[in-house]
């Protein structure tokens, strides 16, 4: 019996969502004891994906980096502006699958303190590139300024306007990201 082959990009997007679910579950489990540790939760989710042979080590490392980057960027925005996670996405939350929205909000809300520390690193490396995975939100081409609206986790494609391969998040009320 042969298993139907999944498109490699779809498989990586599914892995991003699965790792986000695992991070959320680990953080919920840690609630009430010590300060939830996002890095440890992401590391555990990465190891689980490798252990279950869902991803290669390299794939799991990439997805973990993407998750950490997205959560750090969201936390940086919330800490800096006092706005909510929904404002970070820059479009109606109803357009995002309810389960994904709850996962992102849950992880962001429970780890804001730790994410503020990660946000410092994210400011240094907050460029998004074609081929990487990212969560929902709006990316802006660094070459031409055209916005790319992502309603669910997915691969970053070249800019529709100029073919650019480098993006940044731009949030309402911020100039220049």
C-alpha atoms as a PDB file:
ATOM      1  CA  UNK A   1       0.000   0.000   0.000  1.00  0.00           C
ATOM      2  CA  UNK A   2       1.628   3.232  -1.118  1.00  0.00           C
ATOM      3  CA  UNK A   3       1.207   6.442   0.815  1.00  0.00           C
ATOM      4  CA  UNK A   4       0.177   9.420  -1.309  1.00  0.00           C
ATOM      5  CA  UNK A   5       3.122  11.819  -1.679  1.00  0.00           C
ATOM      6  CA  UNK A   6       2.495  15.305  -0.288  1.00  0.00           C
ATOM      7  CA  UNK A   7       3.832  18.402  -1.950  1.00  0.00           C
ATOM      8  CA  UNK A   8       7.049  19.300  -0.053  1.00  0.00           C
ATOM      9  CA  UNK A   9       5.852  22.870   0.539  1.00  0.00           C
ATOM     10  CA  UNK A  10       2.491  21.702   1.912  1.00  0.00           C
ATOM     11  CA  UNK A  11       4.294  19.214   4.142  1.00  0.00           C
ATOM     12  CA  UNK A  12       6.472  21.983   5.618  1.00  0.00           C
ATOM     13  CA  UNK A  13       3.443  24.247   6.222  1.00  0.00           C
ATOM     14  CA  UNK A  14       1.692  21.367   8.003  1.00  0.00           C
ATOM     15  CA  UNK A  15       4.845  20.807  10.057  1.00  0.00           C
ATOM     16  CA  UNK A  16       4.884  24.508  11.051  1.00  0.00           C
ATOM     17  CA  UNK A  17       1.298  24.207  12.281  1.00  0.00           C
ATOM     18  CA  UNK A  18       2.017  20.934  14.108  1.00  0.00           C
ATOM     19  CA  UNK A  19       5.063  22.396  15.846  1.00  0.00           C
ATOM     20  CA  UNK A  20       3.026  25.475  16.829  1.00  0.00           C
ATOM     21  CA  UNK A  21       0.386  23.161  18.343  1.00  0.00           C
ATOM     22  CA  UNK A  22       3.072  21.318  20.308  1.00  0.00           C
ATOM     23  CA  UNK A  23       4.613  24.563  21.572  1.00  0.00           C
ATOM     24  CA  UNK A  24       1.170  25.741  22.676  1.00  0.00           C
ATOM     25  CA  UNK A  25       0.500  22.454  24.514  1.00  0.00           C
ATOM     26  CA  UNK A  26       3.886  22.547  26.267  1.00  0.00           C
ATOM     27  CA  UNK A  27       3.384  26.142  27.367  1.00  0.00           C
ATOM     28  CA  UNK A  28      -0.113  25.358  28.674  1.00  0.00           C
ATOM     29  CA  UNK A  29       1.300  22.427  30.637  1.00  0.00           C
ATOM     30  CA  UNK A  30       4.012  24.650  32.187  1.00  0.00           C
ATOM     31  CA  UNK A  31       1.517  27.347  33.194  1.00  0.00           C
ATOM     32  CA  UNK A  32       1.311  27.896  36.924  1.00  0.00           C
ATOM     33  CA  UNK A  33       4.732  26.427  37.678  1.00  0.00           C
ATOM     34  CA  UNK A  34       7.642  28.410  36.343  1.00  0.00           C
ATOM     35  CA  UNK A  35       7.724  31.073  33.677  1.00  0.00           C
ATOM     36  CA  UNK A  36       6.976  29.270  30.431  1.00  0.00           C
ATOM     37  CA  UNK A  37      10.050  29.001  28.303  1.00  0.00           C
ATOM     38  CA  UNK A  38       9.391  29.495  24.622  1.00  0.00           C
ATOM     39  CA  UNK A  39      12.840  28.372  23.516  1.00  0.00           C
ATOM     40  CA  UNK A  40      12.571  25.093  25.477  1.00  0.00           C
ATOM     41  CA  UNK A  41       9.071  24.496  24.126  1.00  0.00           C
ATOM     42  CA  UNK A  42      10.193  25.074  20.550  1.00  0.00           C
ATOM     43  CA  UNK A  43      13.217  22.822  21.120  1.00  0.00           C
ATOM     44  CA  UNK A  44      10.955  20.069  22.482  1.00  0.00           C
ATOM     45  CA  UNK A  45       8.532  20.410  19.561  1.00  0.00           C
ATOM     46  CA  UNK A  46      11.477  20.250  17.140  1.00  0.00           C
ATOM     47  CA  UNK A  47      12.862  17.117  18.784  1.00  0.00           C
ATOM     48  CA  UNK A  48       9.433  15.469  18.749  1.00  0.00           C
ATOM     49  CA  UNK A  49       9.089  16.095  14.994  1.00  0.00           C
ATOM     50  CA  UNK A  50      12.486  14.460  14.403  1.00  0.00           C
ATOM     51  CA  UNK A  51      11.795  11.615  16.834  1.00  0.00           C
ATOM     52  CA  UNK A  52       8.481  10.818  15.106  1.00  0.00           C
ATOM     53  CA  UNK A  53      10.264  10.993  11.735  1.00  0.00           C
ATOM     54  CA  UNK A  54       7.917  13.766  10.599  1.00  0.00           C
ATOM     55  CA  UNK A  55      10.851  15.955   9.575  1.00  0.00           C
ATOM     56  CA  UNK A  56      14.562  15.648   9.008  1.00  0.00           C
ATOM     57  CA  UNK A  57      16.829  17.394  11.534  1.00  0.00           C
ATOM     58  CA  UNK A  58      17.490  20.185   9.023  1.00  0.00           C
ATOM     59  CA  UNK A  59      13.779  20.691   8.271  1.00  0.00           C
ATOM     60  CA  UNK A  60      12.888  20.714  11.971  1.00  0.00           C
ATOM     61  CA  UNK A  61      15.642  23.255  12.694  1.00  0.00           C
ATOM     62  CA  UNK A  62      14.321  25.553   9.948  1.00  0.00           C
ATOM     63  CA  UNK A  63      10.714  25.339  11.155  1.00  0.00           C
ATOM     64  CA  UNK A  64      11.837  26.015  14.743  1.00  0.00           C
ATOM     65  CA  UNK A  65      13.713  29.116  13.551  1.00  0.00           C
ATOM     66  CA  UNK A  66      10.627  30.328  11.677  1.00  0.00           C
ATOM     67  CA  UNK A  67       8.374  29.821  14.726  1.00  0.00           C
ATOM     68  CA  UNK A  68      10.790  31.622  17.024  1.00  0.00           C
ATOM     69  CA  UNK A  69      11.152  34.497  14.570  1.00  0.00           C
ATOM     70  CA  UNK A  70       7.386  34.919  14.182  1.00  0.00           C
ATOM     71  CA  UNK A  71       6.704  34.788  17.927  1.00  0.00           C
ATOM     72  CA  UNK A  72       9.582  37.179  18.661  1.00  0.00           C
ATOM     73  CA  UNK A  73       8.345  39.619  16.044  1.00  0.00           C
ATOM     74  CA  UNK A  74       4.800  39.508  17.451  1.00  0.00           C
ATOM     75  CA  UNK A  75       6.036  40.021  21.013  1.00  0.00           C
ATOM     76  CA  UNK A  76       8.313  42.869  20.003  1.00  0.00           C
ATOM     77  CA  UNK A  77       5.394  44.616  18.349  1.00  0.00           C
ATOM     78  CA  UNK A  78       3.077  44.086  21.339  1.00  0.00           C
ATOM     79  CA  UNK A  79       5.682  45.223  23.858  1.00  0.00           C
ATOM     80  CA  UNK A  80       6.721  48.249  21.804  1.00  0.00           C
ATOM     81  CA  UNK A  81       3.241  49.476  20.879  1.00  0.00           C
ATOM     82  CA  UNK A  82       0.955  48.142  23.604  1.00  0.00           C
ATOM     83  CA  UNK A  83      -1.309  46.851  20.846  1.00  0.00           C
ATOM     84  CA  UNK A  84      -2.769  43.375  20.545  1.00  0.00           C
ATOM     85  CA  UNK A  85      -1.707  40.371  18.514  1.00  0.00           C
ATOM     86  CA  UNK A  86      -4.545  41.028  16.044  1.00  0.00           C
ATOM     87  CA  UNK A  87      -2.957  44.414  15.264  1.00  0.00           C
ATOM     88  CA  UNK A  88       0.348  42.656  14.484  1.00  0.00           C
ATOM     89  CA  UNK A  89      -1.388  40.671  11.728  1.00  0.00           C
ATOM     90  CA  UNK A  90      -2.874  43.841  10.195  1.00  0.00           C
ATOM     91  CA  UNK A  91      -6.038  42.259   8.879  1.00  0.00           C
ATOM     92  CA  UNK A  92      -9.268  40.847  10.200  1.00  0.00           C
ATOM     93  CA  UNK A  93      -8.636  37.947  12.541  1.00  0.00           C
ATOM     94  CA  UNK A  94     -11.819  36.319  11.241  1.00  0.00           C
ATOM     95  CA  UNK A  95      -9.974  35.593   7.996  1.00  0.00           C
ATOM     96  CA  UNK A  96      -7.591  33.263   9.809  1.00  0.00           C
ATOM     97  CA  UNK A  97      -8.615  29.744  10.701  1.00  0.00           C
ATOM     98  CA  UNK A  98      -9.890  29.900  14.297  1.00  0.00           C
ATOM     99  CA  UNK A  99      -7.604  27.137  15.564  1.00  0.00           C
ATOM    100  CA  UNK A 100      -4.495  28.863  14.191  1.00  0.00           C
ATOM    101  CA  UNK A 101      -5.496  32.220  15.604  1.00  0.00           C
ATOM    102  CA  UNK A 102      -6.009  30.688  19.047  1.00  0.00           C
ATOM    103  CA  UNK A 103      -2.625  28.937  18.873  1.00  0.00           C
ATOM    104  CA  UNK A 104      -0.778  32.122  17.913  1.00  0.00           C
ATOM    105  CA  UNK A 105      -2.593  34.246  20.503  1.00  0.00           C
ATOM    106  CA  UNK A 106      -2.113  31.598  23.196  1.00  0.00           C
ATOM    107  CA  UNK A 107       1.611  31.284  22.621  1.00  0.00           C
ATOM    108  CA  UNK A 108       2.082  35.049  22.350  1.00  0.00           C
ATOM    109  CA  UNK A 109       0.034  35.843  25.469  1.00  0.00           C
ATOM    110  CA  UNK A 110       1.738  33.273  27.686  1.00  0.00           C
ATOM    111  CA  UNK A 111       5.263  34.179  26.679  1.00  0.00           C
ATOM    112  CA  UNK A 112       5.360  37.966  26.298  1.00  0.00           C
ATOM    113  CA  UNK A 113       8.089  38.410  28.927  1.00  0.00           C
ATOM    114  CA  UNK A 114      10.369  35.865  27.332  1.00  0.00           C
ATOM    115  CA  UNK A 115       9.486  37.069  23.872  1.00  0.00           C
ATOM    116  CA  UNK A 116      10.581  40.578  24.771  1.00  0.00           C
ATOM    117  CA  UNK A 117      14.072  39.152  25.237  1.00  0.00           C
ATOM    118  CA  UNK A 118      13.803  37.292  21.935  1.00  0.00           C
ATOM    119  CA  UNK A 119      12.516  40.454  20.287  1.00  0.00           C
ATOM    120  CA  UNK A 120      15.902  42.092  20.702  1.00  0.00           C
ATOM    121  CA  UNK A 121      17.422  39.315  18.603  1.00  0.00           C
ATOM    122  CA  UNK A 122      14.539  39.550  16.153  1.00  0.00           C
ATOM    123  CA  UNK A 123      15.207  43.242  15.546  1.00  0.00           C
ATOM    124  CA  UNK A 124      18.702  42.283  14.466  1.00  0.00           C
ATOM    125  CA  UNK A 125      17.470  39.545  12.130  1.00  0.00           C
ATOM    126  CA  UNK A 126      13.928  40.568  11.197  1.00  0.00           C
ATOM    127  CA  UNK A 127      14.301  40.163   7.468  1.00  0.00           C
ATOM    128  CA  UNK A 128      12.073  37.553   5.876  1.00  0.00           C
ATOM    129  CA  UNK A 129      13.206  35.808   2.702  1.00  0.00           C
ATOM    130  CA  UNK A 130      11.598  33.998  -0.207  1.00  0.00           C
ATOM    131  CA  UNK A 131      11.417  30.273   0.506  1.00  0.00           C
ATOM    132  CA  UNK A 132      11.127  30.668   4.285  1.00  0.00           C
ATOM    133  CA  UNK A 133       7.961  29.837   6.215  1.00  0.00           C
ATOM    134  CA  UNK A 134       6.093  32.442   8.208  1.00  0.00           C
ATOM    135  CA  UNK A 135       2.853  32.761  10.085  1.00  0.00           C
ATOM    136  CA  UNK A 136      -0.126  34.905   9.104  1.00  0.00           C
ATOM    137  CA  UNK A 137       0.252  38.647   8.654  1.00  0.00           C
ATOM    138  CA  UNK A 138       1.506  41.264   6.242  1.00  0.00           C
ATOM    139  CA  UNK A 139       5.027  41.331   4.808  1.00  0.00           C
ATOM    140  CA  UNK A 140       6.363  44.312   2.873  1.00  0.00           C
ATOM    141  CA  UNK A 141       8.865  43.956   0.030  1.00  0.00           C
ATOM    142  CA  UNK A 142      12.082  45.773   0.961  1.00  0.00           C
ATOM    143  CA  UNK A 143      12.691  46.538  -2.711  1.00  0.00           C
ATOM    144  CA  UNK A 144       9.384  48.059  -3.889  1.00  0.00           C
ATOM    145  CA  UNK A 145       7.178  48.302  -0.771  1.00  0.00           C
ATOM    146  CA  UNK A 146       4.378  46.074  -2.063  1.00  0.00           C
ATOM    147  CA  UNK A 147       2.474  44.248   0.674  1.00  0.00           C
ATOM    148  CA  UNK A 148       2.013  40.475   0.779  1.00  0.00           C
ATOM    149  CA  UNK A 149      -0.987  39.364   2.884  1.00  0.00           C
ATOM    150  CA  UNK A 150      -0.688  35.879   4.398  1.00  0.00           C
ATOM    151  CA  UNK A 151      -3.871  34.509   5.929  1.00  0.00           C
ATOM    152  CA  UNK A 152      -2.279  31.297   7.214  1.00  0.00           C
ATOM    153  CA  UNK A 153       1.232  29.923   7.675  1.00  0.00           C
ATOM    154  CA  UNK A 154       2.969  29.437   4.356  1.00  0.00           C
ATOM    155  CA  UNK A 155       6.065  29.834   2.249  1.00  0.00           C
ATOM    156  CA  UNK A 156       7.169  33.305   1.328  1.00  0.00           C
ATOM    157  CA  UNK A 157       7.069  33.741  -2.431  1.00  0.00           C
ATOM    158  CA  UNK A 158       8.873  36.374  -4.508  1.00  0.00           C
ATOM    159  CA  UNK A 159       7.216  39.803  -4.592  1.00  0.00           C
ATOM    160  CA  UNK A 160       4.368  40.051  -7.112  1.00  0.00           C
ATOM    161  CA  UNK A 161       5.384  43.623  -7.856  1.00  0.00           C
ATOM    162  CA  UNK A 162       9.105  43.393  -8.542  1.00  0.00           C
ATOM    163  CA  UNK A 163      10.230  39.816  -7.931  1.00  0.00           C
ATOM    164  CA  UNK A 164      12.030  40.896  -4.742  1.00  0.00           C
ATOM    165  CA  UNK A 165      13.073  38.191  -2.296  1.00  0.00           C
ATOM    166  CA  UNK A 166      13.474  40.167   0.935  1.00  0.00           C
ATOM    167  CA  UNK A 167      10.623  41.357   3.180  1.00  0.00           C
ATOM    168  CA  UNK A 168       9.950  42.927   6.576  1.00  0.00           C
ATOM    169  CA  UNK A 169       6.839  43.158   8.696  1.00  0.00           C
ATOM    170  CA  UNK A 170       5.246  46.552   8.830  1.00  0.00           C
ATOM    171  CA  UNK A 171       2.618  47.168  11.460  1.00  0.00           C
ATOM    172  CA  UNK A 172      -0.122  49.786  11.649  1.00  0.00           C
ATOM    173  CA  UNK A 173       1.120  52.908  13.327  1.00  0.00           C
ATOM    174  CA  UNK A 174       4.770  52.138  12.586  1.00  0.00           C
ATOM    175  CA  UNK A 175       6.911  53.643   9.914  1.00  0.00           C
ATOM    176  CA  UNK A 176       9.726  51.635   8.430  1.00  0.00           C
ATOM    177  CA  UNK A 177       8.961  48.485  10.523  1.00  0.00           C
END
